[in-house]
Amino acid sequence: MTEADGETTEAAGGRRIAVLGEMLELGDEAVEAHREIGRFAAEAGIDLVVAVGGDLAKQLALAAGAAGVPDIALVRDNETATAYLSTILRRDDVVLIKASRGGQLWQIAQALTGQPVTGL
């Protein structure tokens, strides 16, 4: 959600949308790490968080909402996320898609940009 130099990215008239999947292999730290990302989304001025996955995605979404992200969506998988985003995206929106590699969230970006969807 931040550029390499540490500056927050700016949406040019559109919404800031973060599509965030579960971070795998965090062990005992997993729940709190997901909550921390949810809180960070609010601090970064994200307008919509789309949390993709199961219980850990739910923790991220709950923390984001509690911290002030105005709109939250919780979806189970990449296909559902893609379908949802296809219905709500506007031309000037800025979208960040991020998760562990195992979540394969690049599939969402591929589908939304008309590319062939690939797996691992």
N, C-alpha and C. Protein backbone atom coordinates (compact mmCIF):
# COMPACT_ATOMS: atom_id res chain seq x y z
N MET A 1 0.80 -1.19 0.00
CA MET A 1 0.00 0.00 0.00
C MET A 1 0.85 1.25 0.00
N THR A 2 2.14 1.09 0.08
CA THR A 2 3.02 2.24 -0.02
C THR A 2 4.04 1.97 -1.12
N GLU A 3 4.52 3.03 -1.68
CA GLU A 3 5.54 2.91 -2.72
C GLU A 3 6.88 2.66 -2.07
N ALA A 4 7.87 2.34 -2.87
CA ALA A 4 9.20 2.00 -2.36
C ALA A 4 9.80 3.10 -1.51
N ASP A 5 9.50 4.37 -1.79
CA ASP A 5 10.09 5.46 -1.02
C ASP A 5 9.31 5.75 0.26
N GLY A 6 8.25 4.97 0.52
CA GLY A 6 7.49 5.15 1.75
C GLY A 6 6.31 6.08 1.64
N GLU A 7 6.13 6.72 0.49
CA GLU A 7 5.00 7.63 0.32
C GLU A 7 3.74 6.85 -0.01
N THR A 8 2.63 7.27 0.56
CA THR A 8 1.36 6.62 0.26
C THR A 8 0.95 6.95 -1.16
N THR A 9 0.47 5.96 -1.88
CA THR A 9 0.02 6.20 -3.26
C THR A 9 -1.25 7.03 -3.24
N GLU A 10 -1.45 7.84 -4.24
CA GLU A 10 -2.61 8.70 -4.34
C GLU A 10 -3.51 8.24 -5.47
N ALA A 11 -4.78 8.15 -5.20
CA ALA A 11 -5.74 7.82 -6.25
C ALA A 11 -6.09 9.11 -6.98
N ALA A 12 -6.03 9.08 -8.30
CA ALA A 12 -6.31 10.27 -9.11
C ALA A 12 -7.81 10.41 -9.31
N GLY A 13 -8.51 10.86 -8.28
CA GLY A 13 -9.94 11.07 -8.38
C GLY A 13 -10.77 9.83 -8.14
N GLY A 14 -10.15 8.66 -8.08
CA GLY A 14 -10.88 7.43 -7.85
C GLY A 14 -10.72 6.93 -6.43
N ARG A 15 -11.29 5.79 -6.20
CA ARG A 15 -11.19 5.18 -4.88
C ARG A 15 -9.90 4.37 -4.76
N ARG A 16 -9.48 4.21 -3.53
CA ARG A 16 -8.35 3.33 -3.22
C ARG A 16 -8.93 2.01 -2.76
N ILE A 17 -8.63 0.96 -3.51
CA ILE A 17 -9.18 -0.35 -3.22
C ILE A 17 -8.02 -1.31 -2.96
N ALA A 18 -8.07 -2.01 -1.84
CA ALA A 18 -7.07 -3.02 -1.51
C ALA A 18 -7.73 -4.38 -1.51
N VAL A 19 -7.26 -5.25 -2.40
CA VAL A 19 -7.73 -6.63 -2.46
C VAL A 19 -6.65 -7.44 -1.74
N LEU A 20 -6.98 -7.92 -0.56
CA LEU A 20 -5.97 -8.53 0.31
C LEU A 20 -6.34 -9.96 0.65
N GLY A 21 -5.42 -10.86 0.38
CA GLY A 21 -5.62 -12.26 0.70
C GLY A 21 -4.88 -12.63 1.96
N GLU A 22 -5.05 -13.87 2.33
CA GLU A 22 -4.43 -14.36 3.56
C GLU A 22 -2.92 -14.51 3.38
N MET A 23 -2.20 -14.20 4.45
CA MET A 23 -0.76 -14.39 4.50
C MET A 23 -0.53 -15.75 5.15
N LEU A 24 0.01 -16.66 4.39
CA LEU A 24 0.16 -18.03 4.85
C LEU A 24 1.47 -18.23 5.60
N GLU A 25 1.54 -19.26 6.40
CA GLU A 25 2.75 -19.70 7.09
C GLU A 25 3.26 -18.71 8.13
N LEU A 26 2.37 -18.00 8.82
CA LEU A 26 2.79 -17.07 9.86
C LEU A 26 2.74 -17.69 11.26
N GLY A 27 2.17 -18.86 11.37
CA GLY A 27 2.13 -19.56 12.65
C GLY A 27 1.32 -18.80 13.69
N ASP A 28 1.84 -18.74 14.90
CA ASP A 28 1.14 -18.12 16.03
C ASP A 28 0.88 -16.64 15.83
N GLU A 29 1.59 -16.01 14.95
CA GLU A 29 1.47 -14.58 14.70
C GLU A 29 0.36 -14.24 13.70
N ALA A 30 -0.23 -15.24 13.10
CA ALA A 30 -1.11 -15.04 11.94
C ALA A 30 -2.30 -14.14 12.23
N VAL A 31 -3.03 -14.40 13.29
CA VAL A 31 -4.25 -13.61 13.55
C VAL A 31 -3.90 -12.15 13.76
N GLU A 32 -2.94 -11.88 14.61
CA GLU A 32 -2.58 -10.48 14.89
C GLU A 32 -1.97 -9.80 13.67
N ALA A 33 -1.21 -10.53 12.86
CA ALA A 33 -0.63 -9.94 11.65
C ALA A 33 -1.74 -9.51 10.68
N HIS A 34 -2.78 -10.31 10.55
CA HIS A 34 -3.89 -9.96 9.67
C HIS A 34 -4.66 -8.76 10.21
N ARG A 35 -4.84 -8.71 11.51
CA ARG A 35 -5.50 -7.55 12.11
C ARG A 35 -4.67 -6.29 11.90
N GLU A 36 -3.37 -6.43 12.01
CA GLU A 36 -2.48 -5.27 11.81
C GLU A 36 -2.60 -4.73 10.39
N ILE A 37 -2.68 -5.61 9.40
CA ILE A 37 -2.84 -5.17 8.02
C ILE A 37 -4.18 -4.45 7.83
N GLY A 38 -5.22 -4.95 8.47
CA GLY A 38 -6.52 -4.28 8.40
C GLY A 38 -6.45 -2.87 8.96
N ARG A 39 -5.78 -2.73 10.10
CA ARG A 39 -5.63 -1.39 10.70
C ARG A 39 -4.78 -0.49 9.80
N PHE A 40 -3.74 -1.06 9.20
CA PHE A 40 -2.88 -0.29 8.31
C PHE A 40 -3.66 0.22 7.09
N ALA A 41 -4.58 -0.60 6.59
CA ALA A 41 -5.39 -0.17 5.45
C ALA A 41 -6.16 1.10 5.80
N ALA A 42 -6.69 1.16 7.01
CA ALA A 42 -7.41 2.37 7.44
C ALA A 42 -6.45 3.56 7.53
N GLU A 43 -5.30 3.35 8.12
CA GLU A 43 -4.31 4.43 8.25
C GLU A 43 -3.86 4.94 6.88
N ALA A 44 -3.83 4.06 5.90
CA ALA A 44 -3.38 4.43 4.55
C ALA A 44 -4.48 5.09 3.73
N GLY A 45 -5.67 5.20 4.29
CA GLY A 45 -6.75 5.87 3.58
C GLY A 45 -7.44 5.02 2.54
N ILE A 46 -7.43 3.72 2.71
CA ILE A 46 -8.10 2.82 1.77
C ILE A 46 -9.61 3.01 1.89
N ASP A 47 -10.28 3.09 0.75
CA ASP A 47 -11.73 3.28 0.71
C ASP A 47 -12.50 1.97 0.76
N LEU A 48 -11.92 0.91 0.21
CA LEU A 48 -12.57 -0.39 0.18
C LEU A 48 -11.53 -1.47 0.35
N VAL A 49 -11.75 -2.36 1.30
CA VAL A 49 -10.94 -3.56 1.44
C VAL A 49 -11.78 -4.74 0.99
N VAL A 50 -11.22 -5.50 0.07
CA VAL A 50 -11.81 -6.78 -0.34
C VAL A 50 -10.89 -7.85 0.24
N ALA A 51 -11.36 -8.51 1.28
CA ALA A 51 -10.57 -9.56 1.94
C ALA A 51 -10.94 -10.90 1.32
N VAL A 52 -9.92 -11.62 0.86
CA VAL A 52 -10.15 -12.88 0.14
C VAL A 52 -9.63 -14.04 0.97
N GLY A 53 -10.53 -14.97 1.30
CA GLY A 53 -10.09 -16.16 2.03
C GLY A 53 -11.06 -16.55 3.13
N GLY A 54 -10.52 -17.23 4.14
CA GLY A 54 -11.31 -17.77 5.23
C GLY A 54 -11.20 -16.97 6.50
N ASP A 55 -10.88 -17.65 7.58
CA ASP A 55 -10.87 -17.05 8.90
C ASP A 55 -9.87 -15.90 9.05
N LEU A 56 -8.69 -16.04 8.46
CA LEU A 56 -7.71 -14.96 8.57
C LEU A 56 -8.13 -13.73 7.78
N ALA A 57 -8.72 -13.93 6.62
CA ALA A 57 -9.25 -12.80 5.85
C ALA A 57 -10.35 -12.10 6.64
N LYS A 58 -11.15 -12.88 7.35
CA LYS A 58 -12.20 -12.29 8.17
C LYS A 58 -11.61 -11.41 9.27
N GLN A 59 -10.53 -11.84 9.89
CA GLN A 59 -9.88 -11.03 10.93
C GLN A 59 -9.37 -9.72 10.33
N LEU A 60 -8.78 -9.79 9.15
CA LEU A 60 -8.30 -8.60 8.45
C LEU A 60 -9.46 -7.65 8.18
N ALA A 61 -10.56 -8.19 7.66
CA ALA A 61 -11.72 -7.36 7.32
C ALA A 61 -12.32 -6.71 8.56
N LEU A 62 -12.47 -7.47 9.63
CA LEU A 62 -13.03 -6.92 10.87
C LEU A 62 -12.16 -5.79 11.42
N ALA A 63 -10.86 -5.99 11.41
CA ALA A 63 -9.95 -4.96 11.93
C ALA A 63 -9.97 -3.72 11.04
N ALA A 64 -10.04 -3.90 9.74
CA ALA A 64 -10.10 -2.76 8.82
C ALA A 64 -11.36 -1.94 9.07
N GLY A 65 -12.48 -2.62 9.20
CA GLY A 65 -13.74 -1.92 9.47
C GLY A 65 -13.71 -1.19 10.80
N ALA A 66 -13.21 -1.85 11.83
CA ALA A 66 -13.14 -1.24 13.16
C ALA A 66 -12.21 -0.03 13.18
N ALA A 67 -11.19 -0.05 12.31
CA ALA A 67 -10.22 1.05 12.27
C ALA A 67 -10.67 2.20 11.37
N GLY A 68 -11.78 2.00 10.63
CA GLY A 68 -12.30 3.12 9.87
C GLY A 68 -12.36 2.98 8.36
N VAL A 69 -11.99 1.84 7.80
CA VAL A 69 -12.16 1.67 6.35
C VAL A 69 -13.66 1.71 6.08
N PRO A 70 -14.12 2.61 5.21
CA PRO A 70 -15.56 2.80 5.03
C PRO A 70 -16.31 1.62 4.42
N ASP A 71 -15.68 0.88 3.51
CA ASP A 71 -16.36 -0.24 2.85
C ASP A 71 -15.49 -1.49 2.93
N ILE A 72 -16.14 -2.59 3.29
CA ILE A 72 -15.46 -3.87 3.45
C ILE A 72 -16.24 -4.94 2.70
N ALA A 73 -15.53 -5.80 2.00
CA ALA A 73 -16.15 -6.98 1.40
C ALA A 73 -15.30 -8.18 1.79
N LEU A 74 -15.96 -9.25 2.19
CA LEU A 74 -15.27 -10.49 2.52
C LEU A 74 -15.76 -11.55 1.54
N VAL A 75 -14.83 -12.09 0.76
CA VAL A 75 -15.18 -13.12 -0.23
C VAL A 75 -14.32 -14.35 0.00
N ARG A 76 -14.82 -15.47 -0.41
CA ARG A 76 -14.16 -16.74 -0.12
C ARG A 76 -13.01 -17.07 -1.06
N ASP A 77 -13.11 -16.64 -2.34
CA ASP A 77 -12.12 -17.10 -3.31
C ASP A 77 -11.88 -16.06 -4.41
N ASN A 78 -10.90 -16.33 -5.24
CA ASN A 78 -10.50 -15.40 -6.31
C ASN A 78 -11.61 -15.20 -7.33
N GLU A 79 -12.32 -16.24 -7.65
CA GLU A 79 -13.41 -16.13 -8.63
C GLU A 79 -14.49 -15.18 -8.13
N THR A 80 -14.85 -15.31 -6.87
CA THR A 80 -15.88 -14.43 -6.30
C THR A 80 -15.36 -13.00 -6.22
N ALA A 81 -14.10 -12.84 -5.86
CA ALA A 81 -13.51 -11.50 -5.79
C ALA A 81 -13.53 -10.84 -7.17
N THR A 82 -13.17 -11.60 -8.19
CA THR A 82 -13.17 -11.08 -9.56
C THR A 82 -14.57 -10.66 -9.98
N ALA A 83 -15.54 -11.51 -9.72
CA ALA A 83 -16.93 -11.19 -10.09
C ALA A 83 -17.40 -9.94 -9.38
N TYR A 84 -17.11 -9.82 -8.10
CA TYR A 84 -17.51 -8.64 -7.33
C TYR A 84 -16.84 -7.38 -7.87
N LEU A 85 -15.53 -7.44 -8.04
CA LEU A 85 -14.80 -6.27 -8.53
C LEU A 85 -15.28 -5.85 -9.93
N SER A 86 -15.61 -6.82 -10.75
CA SER A 86 -16.09 -6.50 -12.10
C SER A 86 -17.35 -5.65 -12.07
N THR A 87 -18.13 -5.77 -11.02
CA THR A 87 -19.38 -5.01 -10.93
C THR A 87 -19.22 -3.64 -10.30
N ILE A 88 -18.12 -3.40 -9.58
CA ILE A 88 -18.02 -2.13 -8.83
C ILE A 88 -16.88 -1.22 -9.28
N LEU A 89 -15.92 -1.73 -10.03
CA LEU A 89 -14.77 -0.91 -10.40
C LEU A 89 -15.16 0.23 -11.33
N ARG A 90 -14.53 1.38 -11.06
CA ARG A 90 -14.70 2.57 -11.90
C ARG A 90 -13.37 2.90 -12.56
N ARG A 91 -13.44 3.65 -13.61
CA ARG A 91 -12.25 3.97 -14.41
C ARG A 91 -11.08 4.53 -13.60
N ASP A 92 -11.32 5.43 -12.67
CA ASP A 92 -10.24 6.09 -11.96
C ASP A 92 -9.83 5.41 -10.66
N ASP A 93 -10.41 4.25 -10.35
CA ASP A 93 -10.03 3.54 -9.13
C ASP A 93 -8.60 3.05 -9.21
N VAL A 94 -7.95 3.02 -8.06
CA VAL A 94 -6.60 2.46 -7.94
C VAL A 94 -6.74 1.20 -7.10
N VAL A 95 -6.23 0.08 -7.63
CA VAL A 95 -6.41 -1.21 -6.98
C VAL A 95 -5.06 -1.83 -6.67
N LEU A 96 -4.89 -2.22 -5.41
CA LEU A 96 -3.72 -2.99 -4.97
C LEU A 96 -4.20 -4.40 -4.71
N ILE A 97 -3.49 -5.38 -5.22
CA ILE A 97 -3.82 -6.79 -4.98
C ILE A 97 -2.59 -7.43 -4.35
N LYS A 98 -2.78 -8.00 -3.13
CA LYS A 98 -1.62 -8.55 -2.41
C LYS A 98 -2.03 -9.69 -1.50
N ALA A 99 -1.22 -10.74 -1.49
CA ALA A 99 -1.39 -11.88 -0.60
C ALA A 99 -0.15 -12.75 -0.70
N SER A 100 -0.15 -13.82 0.06
CA SER A 100 0.89 -14.82 -0.10
C SER A 100 0.77 -15.44 -1.49
N ARG A 101 1.85 -15.94 -1.98
CA ARG A 101 1.83 -16.56 -3.31
C ARG A 101 0.80 -17.67 -3.39
N GLY A 102 0.63 -18.42 -2.31
CA GLY A 102 -0.32 -19.52 -2.29
C GLY A 102 -1.75 -19.10 -2.56
N GLY A 103 -2.09 -17.85 -2.31
CA GLY A 103 -3.43 -17.35 -2.57
C GLY A 103 -3.70 -17.08 -4.04
N GLN A 104 -2.65 -17.01 -4.83
CA GLN A 104 -2.74 -16.82 -6.27
C GLN A 104 -3.61 -15.62 -6.69
N LEU A 105 -3.56 -14.55 -5.92
CA LEU A 105 -4.40 -13.39 -6.22
C LEU A 105 -4.05 -12.72 -7.54
N TRP A 106 -2.90 -13.06 -8.12
CA TRP A 106 -2.59 -12.53 -9.46
C TRP A 106 -3.68 -12.93 -10.45
N GLN A 107 -4.39 -14.02 -10.16
CA GLN A 107 -5.48 -14.46 -11.03
C GLN A 107 -6.57 -13.39 -11.14
N ILE A 108 -6.80 -12.66 -10.06
CA ILE A 108 -7.79 -11.59 -10.07
C ILE A 108 -7.34 -10.49 -11.03
N ALA A 109 -6.09 -10.09 -10.92
CA ALA A 109 -5.56 -9.06 -11.81
C ALA A 109 -5.60 -9.52 -13.26
N GLN A 110 -5.23 -10.77 -13.49
CA GLN A 110 -5.26 -11.29 -14.86
C GLN A 110 -6.68 -11.25 -15.43
N ALA A 111 -7.63 -11.73 -14.64
CA ALA A 111 -9.03 -11.76 -15.13
C ALA A 111 -9.55 -10.36 -15.39
N LEU A 112 -9.27 -9.43 -14.50
CA LEU A 112 -9.80 -8.07 -14.66
C LEU A 112 -9.17 -7.33 -15.83
N THR A 113 -7.98 -7.73 -16.22
CA THR A 113 -7.29 -7.05 -17.34
C THR A 113 -7.37 -7.85 -18.63
N GLY A 114 -8.17 -8.92 -18.64
CA GLY A 114 -8.39 -9.67 -19.86
C GLY A 114 -7.27 -10.62 -20.24
N GLN A 115 -6.38 -10.92 -19.32
CA GLN A 115 -5.29 -11.84 -19.59
C GLN A 115 -5.73 -13.28 -19.30
N PRO A 116 -5.05 -14.25 -19.86
CA PRO A 116 -5.33 -15.64 -19.49
C PRO A 116 -5.00 -15.85 -18.01
N VAL A 117 -5.86 -16.55 -17.30
CA VAL A 117 -5.67 -16.79 -15.87
C VAL A 117 -4.78 -18.02 -15.71
N THR A 118 -3.71 -17.85 -14.93
CA THR A 118 -2.74 -18.92 -14.73
C THR A 118 -2.71 -19.37 -13.27
N GLY A 119 -2.27 -20.60 -13.05
CA GLY A 119 -2.12 -21.15 -11.70
C GLY A 119 -0.65 -21.27 -11.36
N LEU A 120 -0.39 -21.98 -10.29
CA LEU A 120 1.00 -22.16 -9.87
C LEU A 120 1.76 -23.07 -10.80
